[in-house]
C-alpha cells in the first residue's frame, strides 16, 4: 500500500462560520437598541446553535475572539510600520482600536452588563496586552532599563481598556473618535509611541 505524502487541505467551513458570526455581530451592533443575544446572532448569521457553540462557549468568548483577532491584525500593522514612523504607527494602531470598538459599540456596551463572573474584561485586556507587547518589542531599545515587558504591556492595556470602557459606558456618540485616540496616546509612555 502506498502512503500519501500530500497533506489534506484545511476545512474552510470553520473560518466561514466564524466570519458569518462576526459579520452578524457587526450588523446587529449597527442597529440602535438591537438584540445582542445568541439567538439574534444565530438568526442574523444563519449559523446553527451547535455551530455557534462549536466555536464559542458563549457571548463572552465571542467578544474575546473578536478582540483577539482585531488586536493581532492591528499589532502586525504596527510592527510593520513603526520602525520608520513610530508616532504615526502608534496613532494608526489606536485609531484602528477605537474604530473597531465604535463599529461594535452596541455589542461591547451590552457586554459590560454581563454577569460579574464573566472573564471577558480580563481576557480582552490580555488580548490588548499582546498587541502592546508587540509594540514594546519593536521599541525595546527605547524602553527604560529593567522594565518587565509583560508587566508593562498588561499595565498599559489595563489602562487603555479602562479608558475605552468609560467611553463606551458614557453612551455619548458625540465624542469624536480622534478625541478618544488623542486621550489614549496622551497617557502612553513617550518612548513607546515615539516621534516621527
N, C-alpha and C. Protein backbone atom coordinates (compact mmCIF):
# COMPACT_ATOMS: atom_id res chain seq x y z
N UNK A 1 0.84 -1.17 0.00
CA UNK A 1 0.00 0.00 0.00
C UNK A 1 0.89 1.24 0.00
N UNK A 2 0.58 2.18 -0.84
CA UNK A 2 1.38 3.37 -0.97
C UNK A 2 0.83 4.45 -0.05
N UNK A 3 1.71 5.09 0.73
CA UNK A 3 1.24 6.15 1.62
C UNK A 3 1.26 7.48 0.87
N UNK A 4 0.33 8.29 1.21
CA UNK A 4 0.21 9.59 0.56
C UNK A 4 1.04 10.62 1.32
N UNK A 5 1.83 11.37 0.61
CA UNK A 5 2.62 12.42 1.23
C UNK A 5 1.91 13.77 1.14
N UNK A 6 0.82 13.78 0.40
CA UNK A 6 0.06 15.02 0.31
C UNK A 6 -0.71 15.25 1.60
N UNK A 7 -0.66 16.45 2.08
CA UNK A 7 -1.43 16.76 3.28
C UNK A 7 -2.81 17.24 2.87
N UNK A 8 -3.74 17.01 3.74
CA UNK A 8 -5.10 17.45 3.46
C UNK A 8 -5.17 18.97 3.59
N UNK A 9 -6.01 19.55 2.76
CA UNK A 9 -6.20 20.99 2.89
C UNK A 9 -7.14 21.24 4.06
N UNK A 10 -6.97 22.38 4.66
CA UNK A 10 -7.78 22.73 5.82
C UNK A 10 -9.24 22.92 5.39
N UNK A 11 -10.12 22.53 6.25
CA UNK A 11 -11.55 22.67 6.01
C UNK A 11 -11.92 24.16 6.15
N UNK A 12 -12.47 24.78 5.11
CA UNK A 12 -12.77 26.21 5.18
C UNK A 12 -14.06 26.53 5.94
N UNK A 13 -14.84 25.52 6.28
CA UNK A 13 -16.13 25.78 6.92
C UNK A 13 -16.01 26.48 8.27
N UNK A 14 -15.09 26.08 9.15
CA UNK A 14 -15.00 26.79 10.43
C UNK A 14 -14.69 28.28 10.27
N UNK A 15 -13.82 28.62 9.34
CA UNK A 15 -13.49 30.03 9.11
C UNK A 15 -14.71 30.78 8.57
N UNK A 16 -15.47 30.14 7.68
CA UNK A 16 -16.68 30.78 7.15
C UNK A 16 -17.72 30.98 8.24
N UNK A 17 -17.86 29.97 9.11
CA UNK A 17 -18.83 30.07 10.20
C UNK A 17 -18.46 31.22 11.13
N UNK A 18 -17.19 31.27 11.50
CA UNK A 18 -16.73 32.35 12.40
C UNK A 18 -16.92 33.71 11.73
N UNK A 19 -16.60 33.81 10.46
CA UNK A 19 -16.77 35.07 9.74
C UNK A 19 -18.24 35.48 9.69
N UNK A 20 -19.14 34.51 9.50
CA UNK A 20 -20.58 34.82 9.47
C UNK A 20 -21.06 35.32 10.83
N UNK A 21 -20.54 34.73 11.89
CA UNK A 21 -20.92 35.16 13.25
C UNK A 21 -20.39 36.57 13.51
N UNK A 22 -19.14 36.82 13.17
CA UNK A 22 -18.56 38.15 13.36
C UNK A 22 -19.36 39.19 12.57
N UNK A 23 -19.71 38.86 11.33
CA UNK A 23 -20.47 39.79 10.48
C UNK A 23 -21.85 40.04 11.07
N UNK A 24 -22.47 39.01 11.62
CA UNK A 24 -23.79 39.18 12.24
C UNK A 24 -23.71 40.13 13.44
N UNK A 25 -22.66 40.00 14.24
CA UNK A 25 -22.49 40.91 15.38
C UNK A 25 -22.36 42.34 14.89
N UNK A 26 -21.56 42.54 13.84
CA UNK A 26 -21.38 43.88 13.30
C UNK A 26 -22.70 44.44 12.77
N UNK A 27 -23.47 43.59 12.10
CA UNK A 27 -24.78 44.00 11.57
C UNK A 27 -25.72 44.39 12.71
N UNK A 28 -25.79 43.55 13.73
CA UNK A 28 -26.68 43.83 14.86
C UNK A 28 -26.21 45.04 15.66
N UNK A 29 -24.91 45.23 15.77
CA UNK A 29 -24.37 46.36 16.53
C UNK A 29 -24.67 47.69 15.85
N UNK A 30 -24.91 47.65 14.55
CA UNK A 30 -25.24 48.87 13.81
C UNK A 30 -26.66 49.33 14.07
N UNK A 31 -27.49 48.46 14.62
CA UNK A 31 -28.88 48.79 14.90
C UNK A 31 -28.99 49.35 16.32
N UNK A 32 -29.53 50.56 16.46
CA UNK A 32 -29.70 51.10 17.80
C UNK A 32 -30.63 50.21 18.62
N UNK A 33 -30.22 49.93 19.82
CA UNK A 33 -31.01 49.09 20.75
C UNK A 33 -31.32 47.72 20.16
N UNK A 34 -30.43 47.20 19.33
CA UNK A 34 -30.63 45.88 18.75
C UNK A 34 -30.43 44.78 19.77
N UNK A 35 -31.04 43.65 19.52
CA UNK A 35 -30.90 42.48 20.38
C UNK A 35 -29.53 41.88 20.15
N UNK A 36 -28.74 41.73 21.22
CA UNK A 36 -27.38 41.20 21.10
C UNK A 36 -27.28 39.83 21.76
N UNK A 37 -28.32 39.04 21.64
CA UNK A 37 -28.34 37.71 22.23
C UNK A 37 -27.79 36.67 21.26
N UNK A 38 -27.51 35.49 21.77
CA UNK A 38 -27.07 34.39 20.91
C UNK A 38 -28.14 34.12 19.85
N UNK A 39 -29.40 34.11 20.24
CA UNK A 39 -30.48 33.86 19.28
C UNK A 39 -30.49 34.88 18.15
N UNK A 40 -30.31 36.15 18.49
CA UNK A 40 -30.29 37.19 17.45
C UNK A 40 -29.10 36.99 16.52
N UNK A 41 -27.95 36.64 17.09
CA UNK A 41 -26.76 36.41 16.27
C UNK A 41 -26.97 35.21 15.36
N UNK A 42 -27.61 34.17 15.87
CA UNK A 42 -27.89 32.98 15.06
C UNK A 42 -28.81 33.33 13.89
N UNK A 43 -29.87 34.10 14.18
CA UNK A 43 -30.79 34.49 13.11
C UNK A 43 -30.08 35.32 12.04
N UNK A 44 -29.27 36.27 12.48
CA UNK A 44 -28.60 37.16 11.54
C UNK A 44 -27.50 36.45 10.75
N UNK A 45 -26.87 35.47 11.35
CA UNK A 45 -25.74 34.79 10.70
C UNK A 45 -26.16 33.59 9.88
N UNK A 46 -27.31 32.99 10.22
CA UNK A 46 -27.72 31.77 9.57
C UNK A 46 -26.96 30.55 10.08
N UNK A 47 -26.24 30.72 11.17
CA UNK A 47 -25.46 29.63 11.77
C UNK A 47 -26.35 28.92 12.78
N UNK A 48 -26.19 27.61 12.88
CA UNK A 48 -26.97 26.84 13.84
C UNK A 48 -26.41 27.06 15.25
N UNK A 49 -27.24 26.76 16.24
CA UNK A 49 -26.81 26.86 17.63
C UNK A 49 -25.59 25.98 17.89
N UNK A 50 -25.62 24.75 17.36
CA UNK A 50 -24.48 23.85 17.57
C UNK A 50 -23.23 24.40 16.86
N UNK A 51 -23.43 25.04 15.71
CA UNK A 51 -22.31 25.66 15.00
C UNK A 51 -21.69 26.80 15.81
N UNK A 52 -22.56 27.60 16.43
CA UNK A 52 -22.08 28.70 17.27
C UNK A 52 -21.26 28.15 18.43
N UNK A 53 -21.85 27.16 19.13
CA UNK A 53 -21.18 26.64 20.33
C UNK A 53 -19.98 25.73 20.01
N UNK A 54 -19.84 25.35 18.75
CA UNK A 54 -18.63 24.62 18.35
C UNK A 54 -17.44 25.58 18.30
N UNK A 55 -17.73 26.88 18.15
CA UNK A 55 -16.68 27.90 18.06
C UNK A 55 -16.51 28.68 19.35
N UNK A 56 -17.60 28.93 20.05
CA UNK A 56 -17.57 29.82 21.21
C UNK A 56 -18.36 29.21 22.36
N UNK A 57 -17.86 29.41 23.57
CA UNK A 57 -18.58 28.89 24.74
C UNK A 57 -19.76 29.78 25.11
N UNK A 58 -19.77 30.99 24.60
CA UNK A 58 -20.85 31.93 24.87
C UNK A 58 -20.50 33.28 24.30
N UNK A 59 -21.29 34.29 24.65
CA UNK A 59 -21.07 35.63 24.12
C UNK A 59 -19.74 36.22 24.57
N UNK A 60 -19.35 35.93 25.82
CA UNK A 60 -18.08 36.50 26.28
C UNK A 60 -16.90 35.92 25.50
N UNK A 61 -16.97 34.64 25.17
CA UNK A 61 -15.92 34.01 24.37
C UNK A 61 -15.89 34.61 22.95
N UNK A 62 -17.06 34.88 22.40
CA UNK A 62 -17.17 35.53 21.09
C UNK A 62 -16.53 36.92 21.14
N UNK A 63 -16.84 37.68 22.17
CA UNK A 63 -16.28 39.02 22.33
C UNK A 63 -14.75 38.96 22.36
N UNK A 64 -14.22 38.06 23.16
CA UNK A 64 -12.76 37.93 23.28
C UNK A 64 -12.15 37.51 21.94
N UNK A 65 -12.79 36.59 21.24
CA UNK A 65 -12.27 36.15 19.93
C UNK A 65 -12.24 37.30 18.94
N UNK A 66 -13.27 38.14 18.96
CA UNK A 66 -13.31 39.29 18.06
C UNK A 66 -12.18 40.26 18.39
N UNK A 67 -12.02 40.57 19.67
CA UNK A 67 -10.96 41.49 20.08
C UNK A 67 -9.58 40.90 19.77
N UNK A 68 -9.39 39.63 20.06
CA UNK A 68 -8.09 38.99 19.83
C UNK A 68 -7.70 39.07 18.35
N UNK A 69 -8.65 38.77 17.48
CA UNK A 69 -8.37 38.83 16.04
C UNK A 69 -8.03 40.26 15.61
N UNK A 70 -8.80 41.21 16.11
CA UNK A 70 -8.55 42.61 15.75
C UNK A 70 -7.20 43.08 16.27
N UNK A 71 -6.89 42.77 17.52
CA UNK A 71 -5.62 43.20 18.11
C UNK A 71 -4.43 42.57 17.38
N UNK A 72 -4.57 41.31 16.97
CA UNK A 72 -3.49 40.67 16.21
C UNK A 72 -3.24 41.41 14.90
N UNK A 73 -4.31 41.73 14.20
CA UNK A 73 -4.18 42.45 12.93
C UNK A 73 -3.56 43.83 13.14
N UNK A 74 -4.04 44.52 14.16
CA UNK A 74 -3.54 45.87 14.45
C UNK A 74 -2.07 45.82 14.85
N UNK A 75 -1.70 44.85 15.68
CA UNK A 75 -0.30 44.72 16.11
C UNK A 75 0.61 44.42 14.93
N UNK A 76 0.15 43.60 14.00
CA UNK A 76 1.01 43.28 12.85
C UNK A 76 1.19 44.51 11.96
N UNK A 77 0.16 45.32 11.83
CA UNK A 77 0.28 46.57 11.06
C UNK A 77 1.25 47.51 11.76
N UNK A 78 1.13 47.62 13.08
CA UNK A 78 2.04 48.48 13.84
C UNK A 78 3.48 48.01 13.67
N UNK A 79 3.71 46.74 13.85
CA UNK A 79 5.05 46.17 13.77
C UNK A 79 5.67 46.43 12.40
N UNK A 80 4.87 46.34 11.36
CA UNK A 80 5.39 46.52 10.00
C UNK A 80 5.75 47.97 9.69
N UNK A 81 5.14 48.93 10.37
CA UNK A 81 5.35 50.34 10.02
C UNK A 81 6.05 51.16 11.08
N UNK A 82 6.21 50.65 12.29
CA UNK A 82 6.69 51.50 13.39
C UNK A 82 8.16 51.84 13.33
N UNK A 83 8.98 51.05 12.69
CA UNK A 83 10.41 51.35 12.66
C UNK A 83 10.69 52.68 11.95
N UNK A 84 9.97 52.95 10.88
CA UNK A 84 10.18 54.19 10.13
C UNK A 84 9.44 55.38 10.72
N UNK A 85 8.23 55.13 11.19
CA UNK A 85 7.37 56.21 11.67
C UNK A 85 6.65 55.78 12.95
N UNK A 86 7.35 55.73 14.08
CA UNK A 86 6.73 55.19 15.30
C UNK A 86 5.49 55.97 15.77
N UNK A 87 5.52 57.28 15.72
CA UNK A 87 4.37 58.05 16.20
C UNK A 87 3.16 57.85 15.29
N UNK A 88 3.40 57.83 13.98
CA UNK A 88 2.29 57.59 13.05
C UNK A 88 1.73 56.18 13.22
N UNK A 89 2.62 55.23 13.42
CA UNK A 89 2.19 53.83 13.61
C UNK A 89 1.38 53.70 14.90
N UNK A 90 1.82 54.37 15.97
CA UNK A 90 1.09 54.32 17.25
C UNK A 90 -0.29 54.95 17.09
N UNK A 91 -0.35 56.10 16.42
CA UNK A 91 -1.64 56.76 16.20
C UNK A 91 -2.55 55.87 15.36
N UNK A 92 -2.00 55.30 14.30
CA UNK A 92 -2.81 54.45 13.42
C UNK A 92 -3.34 53.23 14.18
N UNK A 93 -2.50 52.66 15.02
CA UNK A 93 -2.94 51.49 15.80
C UNK A 93 -4.10 51.87 16.72
N UNK A 94 -3.99 53.01 17.40
CA UNK A 94 -5.07 53.42 18.30
C UNK A 94 -6.32 53.82 17.53
N UNK A 95 -6.14 54.41 16.35
CA UNK A 95 -7.31 54.72 15.51
C UNK A 95 -8.05 53.45 15.13
N UNK A 96 -7.29 52.41 14.80
CA UNK A 96 -7.92 51.14 14.43
C UNK A 96 -8.63 50.50 15.62
N UNK A 97 -8.04 50.57 16.80
CA UNK A 97 -8.69 50.03 18.00
C UNK A 97 -10.00 50.76 18.26
N UNK A 98 -9.95 52.09 18.24
CA UNK A 98 -11.14 52.90 18.52
C UNK A 98 -12.22 52.66 17.45
N UNK A 99 -11.83 52.59 16.20
CA UNK A 99 -12.81 52.33 15.13
C UNK A 99 -13.43 50.95 15.29
N UNK A 100 -12.61 49.96 15.61
CA UNK A 100 -13.12 48.60 15.82
C UNK A 100 -14.19 48.61 16.92
N UNK A 101 -13.89 49.27 18.01
CA UNK A 101 -14.83 49.33 19.14
C UNK A 101 -16.08 50.11 18.76
N UNK A 102 -15.90 51.24 18.11
CA UNK A 102 -17.04 52.07 17.76
C UNK A 102 -18.01 51.34 16.82
N UNK A 103 -17.47 50.56 15.89
CA UNK A 103 -18.32 49.82 14.94
C UNK A 103 -19.09 48.69 15.62
N UNK A 104 -18.66 48.27 16.78
CA UNK A 104 -19.31 47.18 17.51
C UNK A 104 -19.80 47.66 18.87
N UNK A 105 -19.99 48.94 18.97
CA UNK A 105 -20.28 49.60 20.24
C UNK A 105 -21.47 48.99 20.99
N UNK A 106 -22.55 48.70 20.29
CA UNK A 106 -23.74 48.15 20.95
C UNK A 106 -23.44 46.78 21.57
N UNK A 107 -22.71 45.96 20.85
CA UNK A 107 -22.36 44.63 21.36
C UNK A 107 -21.44 44.76 22.58
N UNK A 108 -20.45 45.63 22.45
CA UNK A 108 -19.49 45.80 23.54
C UNK A 108 -20.18 46.43 24.74
N UNK A 109 -21.04 47.41 24.50
CA UNK A 109 -21.78 48.04 25.60
C UNK A 109 -22.62 47.00 26.33
N UNK A 110 -23.27 46.12 25.60
CA UNK A 110 -24.09 45.09 26.25
C UNK A 110 -23.22 44.13 27.05
N UNK A 111 -21.97 43.91 26.59
CA UNK A 111 -21.08 43.00 27.32
C UNK A 111 -20.72 43.54 28.70
N UNK A 112 -20.78 44.85 28.86
CA UNK A 112 -20.43 45.44 30.15
C UNK A 112 -21.45 45.09 31.24
N UNK A 113 -22.62 44.63 30.82
CA UNK A 113 -23.66 44.26 31.78
C UNK A 113 -23.77 42.76 31.98
N UNK A 114 -22.84 42.00 31.41
CA UNK A 114 -22.87 40.56 31.60
C UNK A 114 -22.51 40.22 33.04
N UNK A 115 -22.79 39.00 33.47
CA UNK A 115 -22.53 38.62 34.86
C UNK A 115 -21.09 38.89 35.28
N UNK A 116 -20.94 39.24 36.54
CA UNK A 116 -19.63 39.58 37.09
C UNK A 116 -18.64 38.43 36.92
N UNK A 117 -19.12 37.20 36.92
CA UNK A 117 -18.25 36.04 36.79
C UNK A 117 -17.61 35.91 35.42
N UNK A 118 -18.07 36.69 34.46
CA UNK A 118 -17.51 36.63 33.12
C UNK A 118 -16.06 37.12 33.14
N UNK A 119 -15.21 36.40 32.46
CA UNK A 119 -13.80 36.78 32.39
C UNK A 119 -13.52 37.58 31.12
N UNK A 120 -14.57 38.04 30.47
CA UNK A 120 -14.39 38.74 29.20
C UNK A 120 -13.49 39.96 29.35
N UNK A 121 -13.73 40.78 30.37
CA UNK A 121 -12.94 42.00 30.55
C UNK A 121 -11.45 41.66 30.72
N UNK A 122 -11.18 40.69 31.57
CA UNK A 122 -9.80 40.26 31.80
C UNK A 122 -9.17 39.72 30.52
N UNK A 123 -9.92 38.93 29.78
CA UNK A 123 -9.39 38.34 28.55
C UNK A 123 -9.20 39.37 27.45
N UNK A 124 -10.09 40.36 27.38
CA UNK A 124 -9.93 41.44 26.40
C UNK A 124 -8.68 42.25 26.75
N UNK A 125 -8.47 42.50 28.04
CA UNK A 125 -7.27 43.23 28.46
C UNK A 125 -6.01 42.46 28.09
N UNK A 126 -6.04 41.15 28.30
CA UNK A 126 -4.88 40.32 27.94
C UNK A 126 -4.65 40.32 26.43
N UNK A 127 -5.73 40.30 25.65
CA UNK A 127 -5.59 40.34 24.19
C UNK A 127 -4.97 41.67 23.76
N UNK A 128 -5.41 42.76 24.37
CA UNK A 128 -4.85 44.08 24.08
C UNK A 128 -3.38 44.10 24.48
N UNK A 129 -3.05 43.50 25.62
CA UNK A 129 -1.67 43.45 26.09
C UNK A 129 -0.76 42.73 25.10
N UNK A 130 -1.28 41.73 24.41
CA UNK A 130 -0.48 41.04 23.39
C UNK A 130 -0.03 42.01 22.30
N UNK A 131 -0.95 42.89 21.89
CA UNK A 131 -0.59 43.90 20.90
C UNK A 131 0.42 44.89 21.44
N UNK A 132 0.25 45.28 22.68
CA UNK A 132 1.20 46.20 23.31
C UNK A 132 2.58 45.53 23.40
N UNK A 133 2.61 44.23 23.74
CA UNK A 133 3.88 43.50 23.80
C UNK A 133 4.63 43.59 22.47
N UNK A 134 3.87 43.44 21.39
CA UNK A 134 4.50 43.54 20.07
C UNK A 134 5.10 44.93 19.86
N UNK A 135 4.38 45.96 20.30
CA UNK A 135 4.89 47.33 20.17
C UNK A 135 6.13 47.52 21.03
N UNK A 136 6.11 47.00 22.24
CA UNK A 136 7.26 47.13 23.14
C UNK A 136 8.47 46.41 22.56
N UNK A 137 8.25 45.25 21.96
CA UNK A 137 9.36 44.52 21.35
C UNK A 137 10.01 45.32 20.22
N UNK A 138 9.18 46.01 19.44
CA UNK A 138 9.70 46.83 18.35
C UNK A 138 10.49 48.01 18.90
N UNK A 139 10.04 48.59 20.01
CA UNK A 139 10.65 49.79 20.58
C UNK A 139 11.53 49.49 21.79
N UNK A 140 11.93 48.23 21.98
CA UNK A 140 12.64 47.84 23.20
C UNK A 140 13.94 48.59 23.42
N UNK A 141 14.58 49.07 22.38
CA UNK A 141 15.81 49.85 22.56
C UNK A 141 15.54 51.19 23.23
N UNK A 142 14.32 51.69 23.10
CA UNK A 142 13.96 52.97 23.71
C UNK A 142 13.40 52.80 25.12
N UNK A 143 13.09 51.56 25.50
CA UNK A 143 12.47 51.29 26.81
C UNK A 143 13.46 51.54 27.95
N UNK A 144 12.94 51.98 29.09
CA UNK A 144 13.81 52.13 30.26
C UNK A 144 14.39 50.78 30.66
N UNK A 145 15.60 50.80 31.15
CA UNK A 145 16.27 49.56 31.57
C UNK A 145 15.48 48.89 32.69
N UNK A 146 15.43 47.58 32.64
CA UNK A 146 14.82 46.80 33.70
C UNK A 146 13.31 46.70 33.68
N UNK A 147 12.67 47.24 32.66
CA UNK A 147 11.21 47.17 32.57
C UNK A 147 10.81 45.77 32.13
N UNK A 148 9.92 45.16 32.88
CA UNK A 148 9.41 43.84 32.51
C UNK A 148 8.35 44.05 31.42
N UNK A 149 8.57 43.47 30.26
CA UNK A 149 7.70 43.67 29.10
C UNK A 149 6.28 43.20 29.38
N UNK A 150 6.13 42.06 30.03
CA UNK A 150 4.78 41.53 30.31
C UNK A 150 4.02 42.44 31.28
N UNK A 151 4.71 42.87 32.35
CA UNK A 151 4.05 43.76 33.32
C UNK A 151 3.66 45.08 32.68
N UNK A 152 4.58 45.65 31.92
CA UNK A 152 4.32 46.93 31.27
C UNK A 152 3.16 46.81 30.28
N UNK A 153 3.16 45.76 29.48
CA UNK A 153 2.11 45.56 28.48
C UNK A 153 0.75 45.42 29.13
N UNK A 154 0.69 44.64 30.19
CA UNK A 154 -0.58 44.46 30.89
C UNK A 154 -1.04 45.75 31.55
N UNK A 155 -0.11 46.51 32.11
CA UNK A 155 -0.43 47.79 32.75
C UNK A 155 -1.01 48.77 31.74
N UNK A 156 -0.34 48.93 30.61
CA UNK A 156 -0.83 49.85 29.58
C UNK A 156 -2.18 49.38 29.04
N UNK A 157 -2.30 48.09 28.76
CA UNK A 157 -3.55 47.55 28.22
C UNK A 157 -4.70 47.75 29.22
N UNK A 158 -4.43 47.51 30.50
CA UNK A 158 -5.47 47.68 31.52
C UNK A 158 -5.97 49.11 31.57
N UNK A 159 -5.04 50.06 31.49
CA UNK A 159 -5.44 51.46 31.48
C UNK A 159 -6.22 51.83 30.24
N UNK A 160 -5.75 51.34 29.09
CA UNK A 160 -6.44 51.65 27.83
C UNK A 160 -7.84 51.05 27.82
N UNK A 161 -7.96 49.81 28.28
CA UNK A 161 -9.29 49.17 28.32
C UNK A 161 -10.20 49.93 29.29
N UNK A 162 -9.67 50.40 30.41
CA UNK A 162 -10.48 51.18 31.36
C UNK A 162 -10.97 52.47 30.70
N UNK A 163 -10.08 53.16 29.98
CA UNK A 163 -10.49 54.39 29.30
C UNK A 163 -11.53 54.12 28.22
N UNK A 164 -11.34 53.05 27.45
CA UNK A 164 -12.29 52.71 26.40
C UNK A 164 -13.63 52.28 26.99
N UNK A 165 -13.58 51.58 28.11
CA UNK A 165 -14.81 51.17 28.80
C UNK A 165 -15.59 52.39 29.26
N UNK A 166 -14.90 53.37 29.81
CA UNK A 166 -15.56 54.60 30.25
C UNK A 166 -16.22 55.29 29.06
N UNK A 167 -15.51 55.35 27.92
CA UNK A 167 -16.05 55.98 26.72
C UNK A 167 -17.32 55.25 26.26
N UNK A 168 -17.30 53.93 26.28
CA UNK A 168 -18.46 53.15 25.86
C UNK A 168 -19.62 53.34 26.84
N UNK A 169 -19.32 53.31 28.13
CA UNK A 169 -20.37 53.46 29.15
C UNK A 169 -21.01 54.84 29.12
N UNK A 170 -20.23 55.85 28.76
CA UNK A 170 -20.79 57.21 28.71
C UNK A 170 -21.93 57.31 27.71
N UNK A 171 -21.95 56.39 26.76
CA UNK A 171 -23.01 56.35 25.76
C UNK A 171 -23.16 57.70 25.06
N UNK A 172 -22.01 58.33 24.83
CA UNK A 172 -22.00 59.63 24.17
C UNK A 172 -21.35 59.47 22.80
N UNK A 173 -22.18 59.30 21.80
CA UNK A 173 -21.67 59.10 20.44
C UNK A 173 -21.14 60.38 19.82
N UNK A 174 -21.26 61.51 20.55
CA UNK A 174 -20.81 62.78 20.00
C UNK A 174 -19.31 63.00 20.21
N UNK A 175 -18.68 62.19 21.06
CA UNK A 175 -17.23 62.33 21.25
C UNK A 175 -16.54 61.77 20.01
N UNK A 176 -15.83 62.61 19.28
CA UNK A 176 -15.18 62.13 18.06
C UNK A 176 -14.12 61.06 18.37
N UNK A 177 -13.98 60.14 17.46
CA UNK A 177 -13.00 59.08 17.65
C UNK A 177 -11.59 59.64 17.79
N UNK A 178 -11.29 60.73 17.08
CA UNK A 178 -9.95 61.33 17.19
C UNK A 178 -9.66 61.80 18.61
N UNK A 179 -10.68 62.27 19.29
CA UNK A 179 -10.50 62.72 20.68
C UNK A 179 -10.16 61.53 21.57
N UNK A 180 -10.83 60.42 21.36
CA UNK A 180 -10.54 59.21 22.13
C UNK A 180 -9.12 58.74 21.85
N UNK A 181 -8.72 58.75 20.60
CA UNK A 181 -7.36 58.36 20.21
C UNK A 181 -6.34 59.28 20.89
N UNK A 182 -6.59 60.60 20.84
CA UNK A 182 -5.68 61.55 21.48
C UNK A 182 -5.55 61.28 22.98
N UNK A 183 -6.67 60.96 23.63
CA UNK A 183 -6.64 60.66 25.06
C UNK A 183 -5.79 59.42 25.34
N UNK A 184 -5.96 58.40 24.53
CA UNK A 184 -5.18 57.17 24.72
C UNK A 184 -3.69 57.45 24.54
N UNK A 185 -3.35 58.14 23.47
CA UNK A 185 -1.94 58.41 23.19
C UNK A 185 -1.31 59.32 24.24
N UNK A 186 -2.09 60.23 24.80
CA UNK A 186 -1.54 61.18 25.77
C UNK A 186 -1.06 60.52 27.06
N UNK A 187 -1.56 59.35 27.37
CA UNK A 187 -1.15 58.67 28.62
C UNK A 187 -0.19 57.52 28.39
N UNK A 188 0.16 57.27 27.14
CA UNK A 188 1.12 56.19 26.85
C UNK A 188 2.54 56.74 26.98
N UNK A 189 3.47 55.89 27.37
CA UNK A 189 4.85 56.33 27.52
C UNK A 189 5.39 56.91 26.21
N UNK A 190 6.05 58.08 26.33
CA UNK A 190 6.58 58.75 25.14
C UNK A 190 7.59 57.87 24.40
N UNK A 191 8.38 57.10 25.13
CA UNK A 191 9.36 56.25 24.47
C UNK A 191 8.69 55.15 23.64
N UNK A 192 7.46 54.77 24.03
CA UNK A 192 6.76 53.71 23.31
C UNK A 192 6.14 54.23 22.02
N UNK A 193 5.51 55.39 22.10
CA UNK A 193 4.84 55.90 20.89
C UNK A 193 5.80 56.65 19.99
N UNK A 194 6.94 57.08 20.52
CA UNK A 194 7.97 57.70 19.71
C UNK A 194 7.55 58.98 19.07
N UNK A 195 8.38 59.45 18.17
CA UNK A 195 8.07 60.66 17.39
C UNK A 195 8.62 60.43 16.00
N UNK A 196 8.04 61.13 15.05
CA UNK A 196 8.48 60.97 13.66
C UNK A 196 9.44 62.06 13.26
